[in-house]
């Protein structure tokens, strides 16, 4: 049953991506890879980052820093090794 639901969800996602972005042939596979990495993220962090009410205009760097409890003030080149 779970396999059937999983297959159905993937097929619908693929159809949506093909309709929305027909010229981007690798978009679906890239999306699947990105979605797979989300399974390693604690749902509480995603809730805090994306679904908490923002009281003021917020800087995305500040929101991510607060959600991760990390210092992201360094440049992107230093973070590329952390992402890999």
C-alpha atoms as a PDB file:
ATOM      1  CA  UNK A   1       0.000   0.000   0.000  1.00  0.00           C
ATOM      2  CA  UNK A   2       2.747   2.495   0.927  1.00  0.00           C
ATOM      3  CA  UNK A   3       4.640   1.646  -2.268  1.00  0.00           C
ATOM      4  CA  UNK A   4       1.544   2.368  -4.350  1.00  0.00           C
ATOM      5  CA  UNK A   5       1.017   5.736  -2.646  1.00  0.00           C
ATOM      6  CA  UNK A   6       4.709   6.589  -3.054  1.00  0.00           C
ATOM      7  CA  UNK A   7       4.603   5.690  -6.749  1.00  0.00           C
ATOM      8  CA  UNK A   8       1.442   7.732  -7.284  1.00  0.00           C
ATOM      9  CA  UNK A   9       2.952  10.761  -5.533  1.00  0.00           C
ATOM     10  CA  UNK A  10       6.125  10.560  -7.631  1.00  0.00           C
ATOM     11  CA  UNK A  11       4.155  10.236 -10.866  1.00  0.00           C
ATOM     12  CA  UNK A  12       2.019  13.256 -10.039  1.00  0.00           C
ATOM     13  CA  UNK A  13       5.062  15.277  -9.052  1.00  0.00           C
ATOM     14  CA  UNK A  14       6.787  14.338 -12.302  1.00  0.00           C
ATOM     15  CA  UNK A  15       3.714  15.366 -14.323  1.00  0.00           C
ATOM     16  CA  UNK A  16       3.529  18.688 -12.502  1.00  0.00           C
ATOM     17  CA  UNK A  17       7.218  19.418 -13.029  1.00  0.00           C
ATOM     18  CA  UNK A  18       7.020  18.495 -16.719  1.00  0.00           C
ATOM     19  CA  UNK A  19       4.008  20.773 -17.245  1.00  0.00           C
ATOM     20  CA  UNK A  20       5.470  23.647 -15.236  1.00  0.00           C
ATOM     21  CA  UNK A  21       9.028  23.493 -16.593  1.00  0.00           C
ATOM     22  CA  UNK A  22       9.009  21.542 -19.884  1.00  0.00           C
ATOM     23  CA  UNK A  23      12.422  22.801 -21.018  1.00  0.00           C
ATOM     24  CA  UNK A  24      14.226  21.705 -17.829  1.00  0.00           C
ATOM     25  CA  UNK A  25      14.778  17.993 -18.341  1.00  0.00           C
ATOM     26  CA  UNK A  26      16.724  17.408 -15.113  1.00  0.00           C
ATOM     27  CA  UNK A  27      14.425  19.390 -12.818  1.00  0.00           C
ATOM     28  CA  UNK A  28      12.442  16.359 -11.589  1.00  0.00           C
ATOM     29  CA  UNK A  29      15.496  14.295 -10.668  1.00  0.00           C
ATOM     30  CA  UNK A  30      17.123  17.301  -9.011  1.00  0.00           C
ATOM     31  CA  UNK A  31      13.954  17.889  -7.032  1.00  0.00           C
ATOM     32  CA  UNK A  32      13.856  14.256  -5.889  1.00  0.00           C
ATOM     33  CA  UNK A  33      17.440  14.497  -4.668  1.00  0.00           C
ATOM     34  CA  UNK A  34      16.671  17.719  -2.794  1.00  0.00           C
ATOM     35  CA  UNK A  35      13.550  16.235  -1.228  1.00  0.00           C
ATOM     36  CA  UNK A  36      15.508  13.188  -0.079  1.00  0.00           C
ATOM     37  CA  UNK A  37      17.911  15.379   1.879  1.00  0.00           C
ATOM     38  CA  UNK A  38      14.983  17.001   3.703  1.00  0.00           C
ATOM     39  CA  UNK A  39      14.270  13.718   5.463  1.00  0.00           C
ATOM     40  CA  UNK A  40      17.422  14.276   7.530  1.00  0.00           C
ATOM     41  CA  UNK A  41      16.160  17.598   8.892  1.00  0.00           C
ATOM     42  CA  UNK A  42      14.210  17.576  12.138  1.00  0.00           C
ATOM     43  CA  UNK A  43      10.592  18.631  11.498  1.00  0.00           C
ATOM     44  CA  UNK A  44      10.646  20.976  14.493  1.00  0.00           C
ATOM     45  CA  UNK A  45      13.357  23.043  12.848  1.00  0.00           C
ATOM     46  CA  UNK A  46      11.346  23.303   9.611  1.00  0.00           C
ATOM     47  CA  UNK A  47       8.269  24.335  11.574  1.00  0.00           C
ATOM     48  CA  UNK A  48      10.213  26.987  13.450  1.00  0.00           C
ATOM     49  CA  UNK A  49      11.834  28.291  10.283  1.00  0.00           C
ATOM     50  CA  UNK A  50       8.871  28.383   7.901  1.00  0.00           C
ATOM     51  CA  UNK A  51       5.691  28.383   9.966  1.00  0.00           C
ATOM     52  CA  UNK A  52       6.300  30.604  12.940  1.00  0.00           C
ATOM     53  CA  UNK A  53       4.791  34.069  12.668  1.00  0.00           C
ATOM     54  CA  UNK A  54       7.308  36.730  11.734  1.00  0.00           C
ATOM     55  CA  UNK A  55       6.707  39.829  13.830  1.00  0.00           C
ATOM     56  CA  UNK A  56       8.805  42.176  11.700  1.00  0.00           C
ATOM     57  CA  UNK A  57      10.520  42.292   8.355  1.00  0.00           C
ATOM     58  CA  UNK A  58      13.208  39.652   8.803  1.00  0.00           C
ATOM     59  CA  UNK A  59      16.480  38.940   7.100  1.00  0.00           C
ATOM     60  CA  UNK A  60      16.561  35.334   5.796  1.00  0.00           C
ATOM     61  CA  UNK A  61      20.150  34.929   7.018  1.00  0.00           C
ATOM     62  CA  UNK A  62      19.045  35.876  10.516  1.00  0.00           C
ATOM     63  CA  UNK A  63      16.087  33.475  10.421  1.00  0.00           C
ATOM     64  CA  UNK A  64      18.271  30.585   9.274  1.00  0.00           C
ATOM     65  CA  UNK A  65      20.958  31.416  11.836  1.00  0.00           C
ATOM     66  CA  UNK A  66      18.373  31.422  14.617  1.00  0.00           C
ATOM     67  CA  UNK A  67      16.701  28.223  13.420  1.00  0.00           C
ATOM     68  CA  UNK A  68      19.976  26.347  13.081  1.00  0.00           C
ATOM     69  CA  UNK A  69      21.592  27.863  16.133  1.00  0.00           C
ATOM     70  CA  UNK A  70      24.671  28.384  13.969  1.00  0.00           C
ATOM     71  CA  UNK A  71      26.869  31.261  12.922  1.00  0.00           C
ATOM     72  CA  UNK A  72      26.366  31.826   9.199  1.00  0.00           C
ATOM     73  CA  UNK A  73      28.097  35.171   9.086  1.00  0.00           C
ATOM     74  CA  UNK A  74      31.019  33.736   7.125  1.00  0.00           C
ATOM     75  CA  UNK A  75      31.077  33.687   3.335  1.00  0.00           C
ATOM     76  CA  UNK A  76      29.505  30.981   1.188  1.00  0.00           C
ATOM     77  CA  UNK A  77      32.870  29.523   0.185  1.00  0.00           C
ATOM     78  CA  UNK A  78      33.515  28.459   3.769  1.00  0.00           C
ATOM     79  CA  UNK A  79      30.105  26.816   4.029  1.00  0.00           C
ATOM     80  CA  UNK A  80      30.370  24.728   0.861  1.00  0.00           C
ATOM     81  CA  UNK A  81      32.403  22.108   2.720  1.00  0.00           C
ATOM     82  CA  UNK A  82      29.764  21.973   5.468  1.00  0.00           C
ATOM     83  CA  UNK A  83      26.956  21.349   2.971  1.00  0.00           C
ATOM     84  CA  UNK A  84      28.715  18.498   1.177  1.00  0.00           C
END
